[in-house]
């Protein structure tokens, strides 16, 4: 049975997933140079040569397609390892809560810049950290002190080996020109603003539910190499199984600018828990009086005086916001 969580703002309806774990294949990252600075982000490890070997072919495809935000700088550094279609491999993300770029580097030293002059990773002393803040804009990070969500890529994972050990994310992408910055393997990445918002909510929920466990997440824009048309087609064909095999699916019904469309569900859930009644019956009971015509008791100013009427109207508006959400109109949902 597939478990789902609906999220809107800070509210959620959650069914716990199975307590499984996934062993990471080890430390990895991506090395790059930037002509604007003598620093480069990256780490030397056993995956670097494989990544660089694929860089030339990957870079021949210019421009982001499939209506995704532009990420020329990110893709030019070859952050992805090739996936083996015969093994039905996917990528997952180990997601870290939002904090400043410098704090992410402190927590993940392999993301620290290296000096191009000698190829050595900079030690994280006070002076180099101060230099890192100064060099942030040249590395594509306009405000190194602003909180950023970050994740590291776990590639080449056979789907058959990770049943229930990860979560999947479903959201409305929105305008590809509307982006928010994230770090992916220490590299600046332009994510859909709606995706960054959804990942942020997922991290908050996960941190409360499992404070001592990493969140392993599948999110299409980052987990699929949008520059590789063959991979993208193959991964799209696997998406049914990706969602089916996830331990939990987070469905984000909000955007950075939208209102909470699950307020009505939260009141029903609380009422069901305290009264012991069935949630569906309570929902029917709530909906019936709001849909029946009423003669309102008017005051001297000609406005309804009943607080109950105002509350019912607000509750019904929340239901309408939920039902009219764009997520329900996505082609994936119809399928």
Protein backbone atom coordinates (compact mmCIF):
# COMPACT_ATOMS: atom_id res chain seq x y z
CA UNK A 1 0.00 0.00 0.00
CA UNK A 2 1.38 3.39 -0.97
CA UNK A 3 1.53 6.00 1.78
CA UNK A 4 0.89 9.68 1.11
CA UNK A 5 1.23 12.92 3.04
CA UNK A 6 -0.63 16.07 2.07
CA UNK A 7 1.21 19.26 2.98
CA UNK A 8 0.04 22.85 2.84
CA UNK A 9 1.88 25.52 4.78
CA UNK A 10 2.73 24.02 8.16
CA UNK A 11 -0.15 21.53 8.17
CA UNK A 12 0.08 17.93 7.09
CA UNK A 13 -1.82 14.66 6.96
CA UNK A 14 0.71 11.88 7.42
CA UNK A 15 0.82 8.10 7.33
CA UNK A 16 4.14 6.87 8.78
CA UNK A 17 6.46 5.00 6.45
CA UNK A 18 8.45 1.85 7.13
CA UNK A 19 11.61 2.23 9.17
CA UNK A 20 14.19 1.27 6.56
CA UNK A 21 17.60 2.74 5.90
CA UNK A 22 19.87 3.17 2.91
CA UNK A 23 23.65 3.01 3.01
CA UNK A 24 25.35 5.78 1.08
CA UNK A 25 27.95 4.75 -1.48
CA UNK A 26 30.37 7.19 0.09
CA UNK A 27 31.68 10.69 -0.06
CA UNK A 28 31.35 12.49 -3.37
CA UNK A 29 31.16 15.90 -4.91
CA UNK A 30 31.91 17.89 -8.02
CA UNK A 31 34.92 20.00 -8.81
CA UNK A 32 34.63 23.16 -10.86
CA UNK A 33 36.57 26.24 -11.70
CA UNK A 34 35.16 29.70 -12.12
CA UNK A 35 37.00 32.28 -14.23
CA UNK A 36 35.81 34.99 -11.85
CA UNK A 37 37.74 33.65 -8.87
CA UNK A 38 40.74 31.58 -7.88
CA UNK A 39 38.54 29.40 -5.71
CA UNK A 40 36.66 26.34 -6.87
CA UNK A 41 34.07 24.23 -5.11
CA UNK A 42 34.61 20.52 -4.96
CA UNK A 43 36.27 17.46 -3.54
CA UNK A 44 38.55 14.79 -4.94
CA UNK A 45 37.05 11.30 -4.74
CA UNK A 46 36.51 8.09 -6.64
CA UNK A 47 33.56 9.43 -8.65
CA UNK A 48 35.29 12.52 -9.99
CA UNK A 49 36.89 10.89 -13.04
CA UNK A 50 33.60 9.25 -14.01
CA UNK A 51 31.86 12.60 -13.78
CA UNK A 52 34.52 14.39 -15.80
CA UNK A 53 34.55 11.63 -18.41
CA UNK A 54 30.89 12.39 -19.11
CA UNK A 55 31.31 16.17 -18.96
CA UNK A 56 32.17 16.69 -22.63
CA UNK A 57 29.13 14.83 -23.97
CA UNK A 58 26.82 16.38 -21.40
CA UNK A 59 27.99 19.90 -22.18
CA UNK A 60 27.26 19.53 -25.91
CA UNK A 61 23.57 19.84 -25.11
CA UNK A 62 23.04 23.53 -24.47
CA UNK A 63 20.10 25.15 -22.74
CA UNK A 64 17.67 23.65 -20.28
CA UNK A 65 14.68 22.03 -21.93
CA UNK A 66 11.44 20.53 -20.67
CA UNK A 67 10.53 23.90 -19.11
CA UNK A 68 13.07 23.69 -16.32
CA UNK A 69 15.00 26.65 -14.88
CA UNK A 70 18.35 27.43 -16.46
CA UNK A 71 21.28 25.77 -14.70
CA UNK A 72 24.13 26.17 -17.17
CA UNK A 73 26.76 26.60 -14.47
CA UNK A 74 25.55 23.55 -12.54
CA UNK A 75 25.34 21.23 -15.56
CA UNK A 76 28.67 22.40 -16.96
CA UNK A 77 30.34 20.93 -13.88
CA UNK A 78 28.95 17.45 -14.68
CA UNK A 79 27.30 16.78 -11.32
CA UNK A 80 25.63 13.53 -12.39
CA UNK A 81 26.89 9.98 -12.88
CA UNK A 82 25.21 8.05 -15.72
CA UNK A 83 22.32 5.78 -14.71
CA UNK A 84 22.17 2.18 -15.91
CA UNK A 85 18.76 1.58 -17.49
CA UNK A 86 19.21 -2.22 -17.38
CA UNK A 87 19.47 -2.02 -13.57
CA UNK A 88 16.63 0.55 -13.35
CA UNK A 89 18.83 2.94 -11.40
CA UNK A 90 17.64 6.23 -9.93
CA UNK A 91 19.13 9.08 -7.95
CA UNK A 92 18.10 10.15 -4.48
CA UNK A 93 18.85 13.27 -2.46
CA UNK A 94 20.05 13.41 1.11
CA UNK A 95 18.46 16.68 2.20
CA UNK A 96 19.85 19.04 4.83
CA UNK A 97 17.89 21.78 6.66
CA UNK A 98 18.34 25.40 5.60
CA UNK A 99 21.40 27.22 6.92
CA UNK A 100 24.02 29.59 5.56
CA UNK A 101 26.42 28.53 2.83
CA UNK A 102 29.35 28.73 5.24
CA UNK A 103 27.56 26.54 7.78
CA UNK A 104 26.81 23.96 5.06
CA UNK A 105 30.50 23.90 4.15
CA UNK A 106 31.45 23.45 7.81
CA UNK A 107 29.10 20.47 8.03
CA UNK A 108 30.25 19.04 4.68
CA UNK A 109 33.99 19.78 4.38
CA UNK A 110 34.11 18.07 0.97
CA UNK A 111 32.06 20.99 -0.34
CA UNK A 112 34.76 23.46 0.71
CA UNK A 113 36.49 25.41 -2.06
CA UNK A 114 39.90 24.36 -3.28
CA UNK A 115 42.70 26.64 -4.30
CA UNK A 116 43.30 26.27 -8.04
CA UNK A 117 46.95 27.18 -7.59
CA UNK A 118 47.78 24.00 -5.67
CA UNK A 119 44.63 21.90 -5.91
CA UNK A 120 44.37 21.64 -2.13
CA UNK A 121 41.15 22.00 -0.17
CA UNK A 122 41.18 25.14 1.91
CA UNK A 123 41.33 24.48 5.66
CA UNK A 124 38.24 25.81 7.39
CA UNK A 125 39.97 28.36 9.58
CA UNK A 126 38.53 31.77 10.45
CA UNK A 127 40.37 33.62 7.69
CA UNK A 128 39.39 31.20 4.93
CA UNK A 129 35.77 31.18 6.10
CA UNK A 130 35.78 34.98 5.94
CA UNK A 131 37.25 34.78 2.43
CA UNK A 132 34.55 32.29 1.51
CA UNK A 133 31.83 34.76 2.48
CA UNK A 134 33.52 37.43 0.34
CA UNK A 135 33.85 35.07 -2.62
CA UNK A 136 30.26 33.81 -2.38
CA UNK A 137 28.78 36.07 -5.09
CA UNK A 138 31.53 35.02 -7.52
CA UNK A 139 30.63 31.39 -6.85
CA UNK A 140 26.99 32.06 -7.75
CA UNK A 141 25.79 32.56 -4.17
CA UNK A 142 24.69 36.18 -3.85
CA UNK A 143 24.26 36.13 -0.07
CA UNK A 144 26.44 33.51 1.67
CA UNK A 145 24.83 34.37 5.02
CA UNK A 146 21.24 33.72 3.88
CA UNK A 147 19.75 30.30 4.76
CA UNK A 148 19.87 27.80 1.89
CA UNK A 149 18.44 24.32 1.59
CA UNK A 150 21.07 21.82 0.49
CA UNK A 151 21.25 18.22 -0.64
CA UNK A 152 23.80 15.73 -1.85
CA UNK A 153 23.24 13.37 -4.76
CA UNK A 154 23.18 9.62 -4.20
CA UNK A 155 23.37 8.16 -7.69
CA UNK A 156 23.23 4.74 -9.34
CA UNK A 157 20.76 3.20 -6.86
CA UNK A 158 18.80 0.22 -8.23
CA UNK A 159 15.12 0.91 -7.61
CA UNK A 160 14.47 -2.70 -6.63
CA UNK A 161 16.81 -2.42 -3.64
CA UNK A 162 15.23 0.56 -1.89
CA UNK A 163 11.57 -0.28 -1.34
CA UNK A 164 10.21 2.04 1.34
CA UNK A 165 13.60 3.52 2.18
CA UNK A 166 12.98 6.95 0.61
CA UNK A 167 10.25 9.54 0.18
CA UNK A 168 8.95 10.97 -3.09
CA UNK A 169 7.75 14.52 -3.68
CA UNK A 170 4.77 15.65 -5.76
CA UNK A 171 4.21 19.36 -6.42
CA UNK A 172 3.24 21.91 -9.10
CA UNK A 173 6.42 23.20 -10.73
CA UNK A 174 5.10 26.62 -11.75
CA UNK A 175 6.97 29.20 -13.80
CA UNK A 176 10.55 28.11 -14.70
CA UNK A 177 11.60 31.76 -14.46
CA UNK A 178 10.53 31.84 -10.81
CA UNK A 179 13.44 30.14 -9.04
CA UNK A 180 15.05 29.80 -5.62
CA UNK A 181 18.68 28.96 -4.97
CA UNK A 182 19.69 25.65 -3.40
CA UNK A 183 22.98 23.81 -2.99
CA UNK A 184 23.31 20.45 -4.73
CA UNK A 185 26.60 18.67 -4.00
CA UNK A 186 27.90 22.07 -2.93
CA UNK A 187 27.02 23.67 -6.28
CA UNK A 188 24.50 26.51 -6.67
CA UNK A 189 21.32 25.16 -8.26
CA UNK A 190 18.29 27.13 -9.52
CA UNK A 191 15.28 25.15 -8.34
CA UNK A 192 11.65 25.90 -9.12
CA UNK A 193 10.56 28.18 -6.26
CA UNK A 194 7.65 25.82 -5.68
CA UNK A 195 10.06 22.87 -5.44
CA UNK A 196 12.35 24.64 -2.98
CA UNK A 197 9.25 25.53 -0.92
CA UNK A 198 8.01 21.91 -1.02
CA UNK A 199 11.40 20.50 -0.02
CA UNK A 200 11.56 22.98 2.86
CA UNK A 201 8.19 21.79 4.17
CA UNK A 202 9.23 18.15 3.77
CA UNK A 203 12.42 18.76 5.75
CA UNK A 204 10.53 20.47 8.58
CA UNK A 205 8.02 17.65 8.78
CA UNK A 206 10.72 14.98 8.66
CA UNK A 207 12.85 16.70 11.31
CA UNK A 208 9.90 16.69 13.72
CA UNK A 209 8.95 13.11 12.93
CA UNK A 210 12.45 11.60 12.76
CA UNK A 211 14.92 14.03 14.37
CA UNK A 212 17.80 11.56 14.15
CA UNK A 213 17.27 10.28 10.61
CA UNK A 214 18.33 11.75 7.27
CA UNK A 215 15.62 12.58 4.77
CA UNK A 216 16.18 10.64 1.53
CA UNK A 217 14.05 12.25 -1.15
CA UNK A 218 13.21 11.80 -4.83
CA UNK A 219 12.37 15.09 -6.58
CA UNK A 220 12.18 15.12 -10.35
CA UNK A 221 13.93 18.40 -11.26
CA UNK A 222 17.09 17.49 -9.34
CA UNK A 223 17.08 13.69 -9.47
CA UNK A 224 16.68 13.56 -13.24
CA UNK A 225 19.44 15.01 -15.42
CA UNK A 226 17.36 17.48 -17.41
CA UNK A 227 20.16 17.89 -19.97
CA UNK A 228 20.18 14.18 -20.88
CA UNK A 229 17.14 13.55 -23.08
CA UNK A 230 17.56 9.77 -23.11
CA UNK A 231 17.85 9.59 -19.34
CA UNK A 232 14.90 11.89 -18.90
CA UNK A 233 12.70 9.70 -21.08
CA UNK A 234 13.80 6.56 -19.26
CA UNK A 235 13.24 8.08 -15.82
CA UNK A 236 9.80 9.40 -16.75
CA UNK A 237 8.83 5.87 -17.78
CA UNK A 238 9.91 4.68 -14.32
CA UNK A 239 8.05 7.34 -12.36
CA UNK A 240 5.06 5.12 -11.62
CA UNK A 241 7.36 2.67 -9.85
CA UNK A 242 9.37 5.47 -8.22
CA UNK A 243 6.24 6.71 -6.47
CA UNK A 244 4.86 3.23 -5.84
CA UNK A 245 8.04 2.02 -4.13
CA UNK A 246 8.52 5.12 -1.96
CA UNK A 247 7.85 4.71 1.74
CA UNK A 248 5.92 7.98 1.76
CA UNK A 249 4.89 10.58 -0.81
CA UNK A 250 4.79 14.24 0.18
CA UNK A 251 2.14 16.14 -1.78
CA UNK A 252 2.66 19.88 -1.56
CA UNK A 253 -0.54 21.87 -2.10
CA UNK A 254 0.93 25.25 -1.25
CA UNK A 255 3.37 27.67 -2.84
CA UNK A 256 5.55 30.38 -1.26
CA UNK A 257 2.73 32.91 -1.79
CA UNK A 258 -0.38 30.75 -1.30
CA UNK A 259 -2.64 30.32 1.71
CA UNK A 260 -3.07 27.18 3.77
CA UNK A 261 -5.53 24.97 1.88
CA UNK A 262 -5.60 22.24 4.54
CA UNK A 263 -7.04 24.32 7.37
CA UNK A 264 -10.41 22.59 6.91
CA UNK A 265 -8.80 19.13 7.11
CA UNK A 266 -6.93 20.01 10.28
CA UNK A 267 -10.15 20.98 12.07
CA UNK A 268 -11.81 17.73 10.96
CA UNK A 269 -8.81 15.68 12.10
CA UNK A 270 -8.74 17.29 15.54
CA UNK A 271 -12.50 16.89 15.93
CA UNK A 272 -12.33 13.21 14.91
CA UNK A 273 -9.54 12.51 17.38
CA UNK A 274 -11.33 14.18 20.30
CA UNK A 275 -14.82 12.86 19.56
CA UNK A 276 -13.96 9.40 18.28
CA UNK A 277 -16.23 9.88 15.25
CA UNK A 278 -15.40 9.00 11.64
CA UNK A 279 -13.68 11.81 9.72
CA UNK A 280 -15.84 11.36 6.59
CA UNK A 281 -19.07 11.59 8.58
CA UNK A 282 -17.81 14.70 10.32
CA UNK A 283 -16.92 16.22 6.94
CA UNK A 284 -20.45 15.55 5.63
CA UNK A 285 -21.90 17.06 8.79
CA UNK A 286 -19.77 20.18 8.35
CA UNK A 287 -20.51 20.60 4.64
CA UNK A 288 -24.28 20.18 4.80
CA UNK A 289 -25.15 23.35 6.76
CA UNK A 290 -22.68 25.49 4.81
CA UNK A 291 -24.36 24.54 1.52
CA UNK A 292 -27.95 25.07 2.72
CA UNK A 293 -29.54 28.53 2.25
CA UNK A 294 -29.87 30.51 5.49
CA UNK A 295 -31.72 33.62 6.63
CA UNK A 296 -29.01 35.60 8.37
CA UNK A 297 -29.66 37.61 11.49
CA UNK A 298 -28.68 41.13 10.44
CA UNK A 299 -27.51 43.83 12.84
CA UNK A 300 -28.10 47.56 12.71
CA UNK A 301 -25.30 48.05 10.18
CA UNK A 302 -26.77 45.39 7.92
CA UNK A 303 -24.01 42.82 8.46
CA UNK A 304 -24.31 39.23 9.74
CA UNK A 305 -23.85 39.16 13.51
CA UNK A 306 -23.24 35.45 13.99
CA UNK A 307 -19.60 34.45 14.55
CA UNK A 308 -20.60 30.91 13.63
CA UNK A 309 -21.63 32.10 10.15
CA UNK A 310 -18.29 33.87 9.66
CA UNK A 311 -16.40 30.79 10.83
CA UNK A 312 -18.39 28.51 8.52
CA UNK A 313 -17.73 30.82 5.58
CA UNK A 314 -13.99 30.81 6.30
CA UNK A 315 -14.00 27.03 6.63
CA UNK A 316 -15.85 26.60 3.32
CA UNK A 317 -13.40 28.97 1.62
CA UNK A 318 -10.58 26.72 2.79
CA UNK A 319 -12.36 23.69 1.28
CA UNK A 320 -12.80 25.57 -2.01
CA UNK A 321 -9.09 26.52 -2.07
CA UNK A 322 -8.21 22.87 -1.57
CA UNK A 323 -10.51 21.62 -4.35
CA UNK A 324 -9.38 24.29 -6.83
CA UNK A 325 -5.67 23.70 -6.24
CA UNK A 326 -3.67 23.39 -9.48
CA UNK A 327 -2.13 20.12 -8.27
CA UNK A 328 -5.39 18.28 -9.04
CA UNK A 329 -5.20 19.40 -12.67
CA UNK A 330 -1.72 18.03 -13.39
CA UNK A 331 -1.61 15.38 -16.13
CA UNK A 332 0.24 12.99 -13.75
CA UNK A 333 -2.69 13.14 -11.31
CA UNK A 334 -5.22 12.37 -14.04
CA UNK A 335 -3.13 9.39 -15.13
